Amino acid sequence: MRTSAIPATMKAAAVAGFGPPSALKLRELPVPKPRPHEVLIAVHVAGIGTWDTAIRDGSWRAPGPAKFPLVPGVDGAGIVVAKGARVRRFAVGDTIYAYEFGNRSGGFYAQFAVADAAHVGLVPRGLGMSAAGAVAATGLTAMQGIDRLELRPRHTILIFGATGAVGTLAVQFAVQRGAYVIATASGTAAVRLVKKLGASKTIDARDLESIEQLREFAPQGLDRVLALAGGKALAR
């Protein structure tokens, strides 16, 4: 494991106990050390998701007792600066993106973070560091939804909540599978966005006429539904 030029401490946004946003404070903490199957990342971009709120206030917890100070942040991008003895796929200096849920060594709201090498990938060409840092957890969530539905070419799918972080990626994955995508979107900008991503049709789920529109757009019915939001509109 290479550790030269790596400082002993780092700045991190952490909580000393579960609480509201004000509990998150900038702290000086030790730089985590990668275990044999992990890489140490100099973080350039940290993703921010709704799950980070749940981690910060304690409504979502990793198994076992919480370890404070706790650093949120489940995904990010940066440069590999050290790696464990069993890591073969990556080299020091690689530009990577990664995710790690329930990381006992701390999350990506820090100057340095560790991640299991199995949860790390090289940033693809054409994908900037900022986008890569935000896409890992949302992208995997969208992909798992599409995979679980066993979506196939010519399937008709309704993606409910299509304009959110997960939804916008789910639309693209569904289009890649050759599906006919109907997406929920409210407002001109939202409609323009999901159509640009490949959706064939859009409905405003808050509009009572959306049910009739759905029948018009899918006269043979829906093969699949990916619901990323709930409430009365979805129930209707």
C-alpha atoms as a PDB file:
ATOM      1  CA  MET A   1       0.000   0.000   0.000  1.00  0.00           C
ATOM      2  CA  ARG A   2       1.416   3.343  -1.048  1.00  0.00           C
ATOM      3  CA  THR A   3       0.922   6.126   1.495  1.00  0.00           C
ATOM      4  CA  SER A   4       3.571   8.726   0.631  1.00  0.00           C
ATOM      5  CA  ALA A   5       2.406  12.341   0.474  1.00  0.00           C
ATOM      6  CA  ILE A   6      -0.877  11.432   2.154  1.00  0.00           C
ATOM      7  CA  PRO A   7      -1.576  13.650   5.173  1.00  0.00           C
ATOM      8  CA  ALA A   8      -2.463  12.200   8.548  1.00  0.00           C
ATOM      9  CA  THR A   9      -5.597  14.312   8.902  1.00  0.00           C
ATOM     10  CA  MET A  10      -8.252  15.775   6.627  1.00  0.00           C
ATOM     11  CA  LYS A  11     -11.230  18.111   6.679  1.00  0.00           C
ATOM     12  CA  ALA A  12     -14.630  16.416   6.658  1.00  0.00           C
ATOM     13  CA  ALA A  13     -18.272  17.373   7.142  1.00  0.00           C
ATOM     14  CA  ALA A  14     -19.414  15.122   9.972  1.00  0.00           C
ATOM     15  CA  VAL A  15     -21.970  14.779  12.756  1.00  0.00           C
ATOM     16  CA  ALA A  16     -21.142  14.036  16.396  1.00  0.00           C
ATOM     17  CA  GLY A  17     -24.655  12.609  16.835  1.00  0.00           C
ATOM     18  CA  PHE A  18     -27.771  12.125  14.710  1.00  0.00           C
ATOM     19  CA  GLY A  19     -29.682  15.350  14.189  1.00  0.00           C
ATOM     20  CA  PRO A  20     -30.881  18.154  11.883  1.00  0.00           C
ATOM     21  CA  PRO A  21     -28.744  19.814   9.175  1.00  0.00           C
ATOM     22  CA  SER A  22     -27.153  22.042  11.817  1.00  0.00           C
ATOM     23  CA  ALA A  23     -25.539  18.911  13.323  1.00  0.00           C
ATOM     24  CA  LEU A  24     -23.257  18.713  10.288  1.00  0.00           C
ATOM     25  CA  LYS A  25     -19.980  20.457  11.148  1.00  0.00           C
ATOM     26  CA  LEU A  26     -16.604  20.836   9.459  1.00  0.00           C
ATOM     27  CA  ARG A  27     -14.115  18.765  11.454  1.00  0.00           C
ATOM     28  CA  GLU A  28     -10.483  17.695  11.365  1.00  0.00           C
ATOM     29  CA  LEU A  29     -10.408  13.890  11.261  1.00  0.00           C
ATOM     30  CA  PRO A  30      -7.823  11.183  10.594  1.00  0.00           C
ATOM     31  CA  VAL A  31      -7.437  10.107   6.983  1.00  0.00           C
ATOM     32  CA  PRO A  32      -8.882   6.569   6.726  1.00  0.00           C
ATOM     33  CA  LYS A  33      -6.536   3.716   5.867  1.00  0.00           C
ATOM     34  CA  PRO A  34      -7.594   1.300   3.117  1.00  0.00           C
ATOM     35  CA  ARG A  35      -7.956  -2.352   4.016  1.00  0.00           C
ATOM     36  CA  PRO A  36      -6.517  -5.018   1.657  1.00  0.00           C
ATOM     37  CA  HIS A  37      -9.557  -4.928  -0.678  1.00  0.00           C
ATOM     38  CA  GLU A  38     -10.071  -1.147  -0.621  1.00  0.00           C
ATOM     39  CA  VAL A  39      -8.724   1.967  -2.328  1.00  0.00           C
ATOM     40  CA  LEU A  40      -8.113   5.355  -0.750  1.00  0.00           C
ATOM     41  CA  ILE A  41      -9.590   8.179  -2.823  1.00  0.00           C
ATOM     42  CA  ALA A  42      -8.659  11.862  -2.824  1.00  0.00           C
ATOM     43  CA  VAL A  43     -12.220  13.151  -3.219  1.00  0.00           C
ATOM     44  CA  HIS A  44     -12.839  15.818  -5.874  1.00  0.00           C
ATOM     45  CA  VAL A  45     -16.652  15.523  -6.023  1.00  0.00           C
ATOM     46  CA  ALA A  46     -19.135  14.140  -3.493  1.00  0.00           C
ATOM     47  CA  GLY A  47     -22.610  13.115  -4.557  1.00  0.00           C
ATOM     48  CA  ILE A  48     -25.597  14.299  -2.522  1.00  0.00           C
ATOM     49  CA  GLY A  49     -28.751  12.188  -2.227  1.00  0.00           C
ATOM     50  CA  THR A  50     -31.855  11.925  -0.083  1.00  0.00           C
ATOM     51  CA  TRP A  51     -30.212   8.943   1.612  1.00  0.00           C
ATOM     52  CA  ASP A  52     -27.555  11.277   3.023  1.00  0.00           C
ATOM     53  CA  THR A  53     -30.290  13.087   4.946  1.00  0.00           C
ATOM     54  CA  ALA A  54     -31.466   9.743   6.337  1.00  0.00           C
ATOM     55  CA  ILE A  55     -27.910   8.841   7.367  1.00  0.00           C
ATOM     56  CA  ARG A  56     -27.371  12.227   9.022  1.00  0.00           C
ATOM     57  CA  ASP A  57     -30.593  12.155  11.080  1.00  0.00           C
ATOM     58  CA  GLY A  58     -30.328   8.453  11.935  1.00  0.00           C
ATOM     59  CA  SER A  59     -33.450   7.247  10.111  1.00  0.00           C
ATOM     60  CA  TRP A  60     -31.217   4.942   8.058  1.00  0.00           C
ATOM     61  CA  ARG A  61     -28.388   3.152   9.824  1.00  0.00           C
ATOM     62  CA  ALA A  62     -25.800   0.595   8.908  1.00  0.00           C
ATOM     63  CA  PRO A  63     -25.961  -2.629  10.950  1.00  0.00           C
ATOM     64  CA  GLY A  64     -24.331  -2.357  14.354  1.00  0.00           C
ATOM     65  CA  PRO A  65     -23.755   0.629  16.632  1.00  0.00           C
ATOM     66  CA  ALA A  66     -23.108   4.003  15.009  1.00  0.00           C
ATOM     67  CA  LYS A  67     -19.540   5.275  15.074  1.00  0.00           C
ATOM     68  CA  PHE A  68     -19.148   9.017  15.634  1.00  0.00           C
ATOM     69  CA  PRO A  69     -18.038  11.395  14.304  1.00  0.00           C
ATOM     70  CA  LEU A  70     -19.981  10.099  11.303  1.00  0.00           C
ATOM     71  CA  VAL A  71     -19.185  11.361   7.791  1.00  0.00           C
ATOM     72  CA  PRO A  72     -22.115  11.058   5.323  1.00  0.00           C
ATOM     73  CA  GLY A  73     -21.806  10.719   1.559  1.00  0.00           C
ATOM     74  CA  VAL A  74     -22.360   7.422  -0.235  1.00  0.00           C
ATOM     75  CA  ASP A  75     -20.799   8.241  -3.614  1.00  0.00           C
ATOM     76  CA  GLY A  76     -18.212  10.450  -5.210  1.00  0.00           C
ATOM     77  CA  ALA A  77     -15.338  10.744  -7.636  1.00  0.00           C
ATOM     78  CA  GLY A  78     -11.653  11.458  -7.312  1.00  0.00           C
ATOM     79  CA  ILE A  79      -8.138  10.086  -7.672  1.00  0.00           C
ATOM     80  CA  VAL A  80      -6.780   6.836  -6.248  1.00  0.00           C
ATOM     81  CA  VAL A  81      -3.926   7.773  -3.901  1.00  0.00           C
ATOM     82  CA  ALA A  82      -3.386   4.425  -2.171  1.00  0.00           C
ATOM     83  CA  LYS A  83      -4.682   0.878  -2.441  1.00  0.00           C
ATOM     84  CA  GLY A  84      -4.781  -2.321  -0.443  1.00  0.00           C
ATOM     85  CA  ALA A  85      -2.545  -5.299  -1.189  1.00  0.00           C
ATOM     86  CA  ARG A  86      -5.335  -7.297  -2.868  1.00  0.00           C
ATOM     87  CA  VAL A  87      -6.440  -4.554  -5.282  1.00  0.00           C
ATOM     88  CA  ARG A  88      -5.379  -5.319  -8.858  1.00  0.00           C
ATOM     89  CA  ARG A  89      -7.857  -3.468 -11.095  1.00  0.00           C
ATOM     90  CA  PHE A  90      -6.755   0.054 -10.154  1.00  0.00           C
ATOM     91  CA  ALA A  91      -3.498   1.948  -9.895  1.00  0.00           C
ATOM     92  CA  VAL A  92      -2.485   4.983  -7.908  1.00  0.00           C
ATOM     93  CA  GLY A  93      -3.354   8.008 -10.050  1.00  0.00           C
ATOM     94  CA  ASP A  94      -6.484   6.516 -11.650  1.00  0.00           C
ATOM     95  CA  THR A  95      -9.505   8.804 -11.971  1.00  0.00           C
ATOM     96  CA  ILE A  96     -12.424   6.850 -10.535  1.00  0.00           C
ATOM     97  CA  TYR A  97     -15.950   7.059  -9.222  1.00  0.00           C
ATOM     98  CA  ALA A  98     -17.322   4.927  -6.432  1.00  0.00           C
ATOM     99  CA  TYR A  99     -20.091   4.239  -3.933  1.00  0.00           C
ATOM    100  CA  GLU A 100     -20.094   2.806  -0.424  1.00  0.00           C
ATOM    101  CA  PHE A 101     -23.188   2.448   1.776  1.00  0.00           C
ATOM    102  CA  GLY A 102     -22.715   2.196   5.530  1.00  0.00           C
ATOM    103  CA  ASN A 103     -18.982   2.851   5.333  1.00  0.00           C
ATOM    104  CA  ARG A 104     -17.490   2.485   8.817  1.00  0.00           C
ATOM    105  CA  SER A 105     -14.458   4.498   7.710  1.00  0.00           C
ATOM    106  CA  GLY A 106     -16.586   7.498   6.736  1.00  0.00           C
ATOM    107  CA  GLY A 107     -18.316   8.729   3.592  1.00  0.00           C
ATOM    108  CA  PHE A 108     -17.443  11.072   0.749  1.00  0.00           C
ATOM    109  CA  TYR A 109     -18.175  14.365   2.543  1.00  0.00           C
ATOM    110  CA  ALA A 110     -14.434  14.540   3.164  1.00  0.00           C
ATOM    111  CA  GLN A 111     -11.120  15.192   1.486  1.00  0.00           C
ATOM    112  CA  PHE A 112     -10.384  11.447   1.490  1.00  0.00           C
ATOM    113  CA  ALA A 113     -12.596   8.345   1.516  1.00  0.00           C
ATOM    114  CA  VAL A 114     -12.107   4.608   1.171  1.00  0.00           C
ATOM    115  CA  ALA A 115     -14.213   2.237  -0.915  1.00  0.00           C
ATOM    116  CA  ASP A 116     -14.241  -1.465  -1.666  1.00  0.00           C
ATOM    117  CA  ALA A 117     -12.556  -1.994  -5.043  1.00  0.00           C
ATOM    118  CA  ALA A 118     -15.666  -3.903  -6.170  1.00  0.00           C
ATOM    119  CA  HIS A 119     -17.637  -0.645  -5.799  1.00  0.00           C
ATOM    120  CA  VAL A 120     -15.195   1.437  -7.865  1.00  0.00           C
ATOM    121  CA  GLY A 121     -15.003   2.150 -11.593  1.00  0.00           C
ATOM    122  CA  LEU A 122     -12.828   4.189 -13.912  1.00  0.00           C
ATOM    123  CA  VAL A 123     -14.560   7.412 -14.966  1.00  0.00           C
ATOM    124  CA  PRO A 124     -15.641   6.770 -18.593  1.00  0.00           C
ATOM    125  CA  ARG A 125     -14.530   9.036 -21.415  1.00  0.00           C
ATOM    126  CA  GLY A 126     -17.061  11.764 -22.004  1.00  0.00           C
ATOM    127  CA  LEU A 127     -18.241  11.773 -18.400  1.00  0.00           C
ATOM    128  CA  GLY A 128     -16.781  14.639 -16.392  1.00  0.00           C
ATOM    129  CA  MET A 129     -15.680  14.273 -12.800  1.00  0.00           C
ATOM    130  CA  SER A 130     -18.667  16.288 -11.520  1.00  0.00           C
ATOM    131  CA  ALA A 131     -21.200  14.048 -13.256  1.00  0.00           C
ATOM    132  CA  ALA A 132     -19.337  10.887 -12.272  1.00  0.00           C
ATOM    133  CA  GLY A 133     -19.322  11.896  -8.623  1.00  0.00           C
ATOM    134  CA  ALA A 134     -23.095  12.257  -8.594  1.00  0.00           C
ATOM    135  CA  VAL A 135     -24.126   9.274 -10.709  1.00  0.00           C
ATOM    136  CA  ALA A 136     -23.020   6.109  -8.897  1.00  0.00           C
ATOM    137  CA  ALA A 137     -25.780   5.608  -6.316  1.00  0.00           C
ATOM    138  CA  THR A 138     -28.572   7.076  -8.464  1.00  0.00           C
ATOM    139  CA  GLY A 139     -27.431   5.155 -11.526  1.00  0.00           C
ATOM    140  CA  LEU A 140     -27.255   1.838  -9.695  1.00  0.00           C
ATOM    141  CA  THR A 141     -30.693   2.434  -8.190  1.00  0.00           C
ATOM    142  CA  ALA A 142     -32.178   3.109 -11.625  1.00  0.00           C
ATOM    143  CA  MET A 143     -30.421   0.142 -13.186  1.00  0.00           C
ATOM    144  CA  GLN A 144     -31.574  -2.217 -10.431  1.00  0.00           C
ATOM    145  CA  GLY A 145     -35.164  -1.110 -10.991  1.00  0.00           C
ATOM    146  CA  ILE A 146     -34.960  -1.705 -14.745  1.00  0.00           C
ATOM    147  CA  ASP A 147     -33.194  -5.054 -14.223  1.00  0.00           C
ATOM    148  CA  ARG A 148     -35.733  -6.226 -11.643  1.00  0.00           C
ATOM    149  CA  LEU A 149     -38.556  -5.485 -14.093  1.00  0.00           C
ATOM    150  CA  GLU A 150     -36.813  -7.656 -16.724  1.00  0.00           C
ATOM    151  CA  LEU A 151     -37.546  -4.941 -19.260  1.00  0.00           C
ATOM    152  CA  ARG A 152     -37.368  -6.110 -22.879  1.00  0.00           C
ATOM    153  CA  PRO A 153     -37.596  -4.478 -26.319  1.00  0.00           C
ATOM    154  CA  ARG A 154     -41.102  -3.278 -27.241  1.00  0.00           C
ATOM    155  CA  HIS A 155     -42.323  -3.413 -23.646  1.00  0.00           C
ATOM    156  CA  THR A 156     -44.439  -0.421 -22.664  1.00  0.00           C
ATOM    157  CA  ILE A 157     -43.243   1.045 -19.368  1.00  0.00           C
ATOM    158  CA  LEU A 158     -44.565   3.906 -17.272  1.00  0.00           C
ATOM    159  CA  ILE A 159     -41.816   5.619 -15.284  1.00  0.00           C
ATOM    160  CA  PHE A 160     -43.520   7.478 -12.462  1.00  0.00           C
ATOM    161  CA  GLY A 161     -41.251  10.174 -11.050  1.00  0.00           C
ATOM    162  CA  ALA A 162     -39.233  10.400 -14.250  1.00  0.00           C
ATOM    163  CA  THR A 163     -37.752  13.854 -13.692  1.00  0.00           C
ATOM    164  CA  GLY A 164     -35.865  13.055 -10.481  1.00  0.00           C
ATOM    165  CA  ALA A 165     -32.234  11.979 -10.247  1.00  0.00           C
ATOM    166  CA  VAL A 166     -33.056   8.261 -10.425  1.00  0.00           C
ATOM    167  CA  GLY A 167     -35.913   8.764 -12.874  1.00  0.00           C
ATOM    168  CA  THR A 168     -33.893  10.598 -15.517  1.00  0.00           C
ATOM    169  CA  LEU A 169     -31.400   7.739 -15.575  1.00  0.00           C
ATOM    170  CA  ALA A 170     -34.157   5.109 -15.579  1.00  0.00           C
ATOM    171  CA  VAL A 171     -35.666   6.711 -18.684  1.00  0.00           C
ATOM    172  CA  GLN A 172     -32.344   6.406 -20.493  1.00  0.00           C
ATOM    173  CA  PHE A 173     -31.790   2.794 -19.411  1.00  0.00           C
ATOM    174  CA  ALA A 174     -35.320   1.879 -20.517  1.00  0.00           C
ATOM    175  CA  VAL A 175     -34.790   3.506 -23.913  1.00  0.00           C
ATOM    176  CA  GLN A 176     -31.503   1.617 -24.284  1.00  0.00           C
ATOM    177  CA  ARG A 177     -33.441  -1.623 -23.743  1.00  0.00           C
ATOM    178  CA  GLY A 178     -35.711  -0.726 -26.645  1.00  0.00           C
ATOM    179  CA  ALA A 179     -38.794  -0.026 -24.523  1.00  0.00           C
ATOM    180  CA  TYR A 180     -41.638   2.348 -25.314  1.00  0.00           C
ATOM    181  CA  VAL A 181     -41.346   4.820 -22.446  1.00  0.00           C
ATOM    182  CA  ILE A 182     -44.181   6.879 -21.004  1.00  0.00           C
ATOM    183  CA  ALA A 183     -42.834   9.303 -18.388  1.00  0.00           C
ATOM    184  CA  THR A 184     -44.499  11.531 -15.834  1.00  0.00           C
ATOM    185  CA  ALA A 185     -43.468  15.171 -16.074  1.00  0.00           C
ATOM    186  CA  SER A 186     -45.017  18.427 -14.881  1.00  0.00           C
ATOM    187  CA  GLY A 187     -44.295  21.685 -16.698  1.00  0.00           C
ATOM    188  CA  THR A 188     -42.761  22.574 -20.041  1.00  0.00           C
ATOM    189  CA  ALA A 189     -39.143  22.252 -18.918  1.00  0.00           C
ATOM    190  CA  ALA A 190     -39.726  18.830 -17.360  1.00  0.00           C
ATOM    191  CA  VAL A 191     -41.521  17.545 -20.451  1.00  0.00           C
ATOM    192  CA  ARG A 192     -38.710  18.824 -22.667  1.00  0.00           C
ATOM    193  CA  LEU A 193     -36.141  17.100 -20.464  1.00  0.00           C
ATOM    194  CA  VAL A 194     -37.645  13.588 -20.461  1.00  0.00           C
ATOM    195  CA  LYS A 195     -38.362  13.754 -24.196  1.00  0.00           C
ATOM    196  CA  LYS A 196     -34.752  14.741 -24.797  1.00  0.00           C
ATOM    197  CA  LEU A 197     -33.752  11.661 -22.781  1.00  0.00           C
ATOM    198  CA  GLY A 198     -35.837   9.465 -25.080  1.00  0.00           C
ATOM    199  CA  ALA A 199     -39.322   9.179 -23.580  1.00  0.00           C
ATOM    200  CA  SER A 200     -41.940   8.652 -26.292  1.00  0.00           C
ATOM    201  CA  LYS A 201     -44.841  10.184 -24.375  1.00  0.00           C
ATOM    202  CA  THR A 202     -45.366  12.193 -21.196  1.00  0.00           C
ATOM    203  CA  ILE A 203     -48.267  12.666 -18.802  1.00  0.00           C
ATOM    204  CA  ASP A 204     -48.781  15.057 -15.909  1.00  0.00           C
ATOM    205  CA  ALA A 205     -49.797  12.656 -13.152  1.00  0.00           C
ATOM    206  CA  ARG A 206     -51.351  15.479 -11.112  1.00  0.00           C
ATOM    207  CA  ASP A 207     -53.845  16.189 -13.913  1.00  0.00           C
ATOM    208  CA  LEU A 208     -57.076  14.180 -13.687  1.00  0.00           C
ATOM    209  CA  GLU A 209     -57.017  13.809 -17.470  1.00  0.00           C
ATOM    210  CA  SER A 210     -53.733  11.909 -17.261  1.00  0.00           C
ATOM    211  CA  ILE A 211     -55.569   8.581 -16.865  1.00  0.00           C
ATOM    212  CA  GLU A 212     -57.310   9.041 -20.207  1.00  0.00           C
ATOM    213  CA  GLN A 213     -54.017  10.127 -21.758  1.00  0.00           C
ATOM    214  CA  LEU A 214     -52.396   6.977 -20.426  1.00  0.00           C
ATOM    215  CA  ARG A 215     -55.132   4.835 -21.983  1.00  0.00           C
ATOM    216  CA  GLU A 216     -54.580   6.658 -25.264  1.00  0.00           C
ATOM    217  CA  PHE A 217     -50.796   6.264 -25.198  1.00  0.00           C
ATOM    218  CA  ALA A 218     -50.932   2.586 -24.118  1.00  0.00           C
ATOM    219  CA  PRO A 219     -54.138   1.139 -25.602  1.00  0.00           C
ATOM    220  CA  GLN A 220     -52.901  -2.410 -24.995  1.00  0.00           C
ATOM    221  CA  GLY A 221     -52.032  -1.630 -21.388  1.00  0.00           C
ATOM    222  CA  LEU A 222     -48.729  -1.349 -19.547  1.00  0.00           C
ATOM    223  CA  ASP A 223     -46.169  -4.129 -19.384  1.00  0.00           C
ATOM    224  CA  ARG A 224     -44.158  -2.557 -16.591  1.00  0.00           C
ATOM    225  CA  VAL A 225     -44.322   0.321 -14.085  1.00  0.00           C
ATOM    226  CA  LEU A 226     -41.322   1.796 -12.290  1.00  0.00           C
ATOM    227  CA  ALA A 227     -42.658   3.973  -9.477  1.00  0.00           C
ATOM    228  CA  LEU A 228     -40.110   6.356  -7.967  1.00  0.00           C
ATOM    229  CA  ALA A 229     -42.722   8.456  -6.158  1.00  0.00           C
ATOM    230  CA  GLY A 230     -45.993   7.695  -4.420  1.00  0.00           C
ATOM    231  CA  GLY A 231     -49.162   9.403  -3.232  1.00  0.00           C
ATOM    232  CA  LYS A 232     -52.672   9.867  -4.597  1.00  0.00           C
ATOM    233  CA  ALA A 233     -51.576  10.422  -8.196  1.00  0.00           C
ATOM    234  CA  LEU A 234     -49.871   7.033  -8.331  1.00  0.00           C
ATOM    235  CA  ALA A 235     -52.792   5.303  -6.602  1.00  0.00           C
ATOM    236  CA  ARG A 236     -55.211   6.818  -9.113  1.00  0.00           C
END
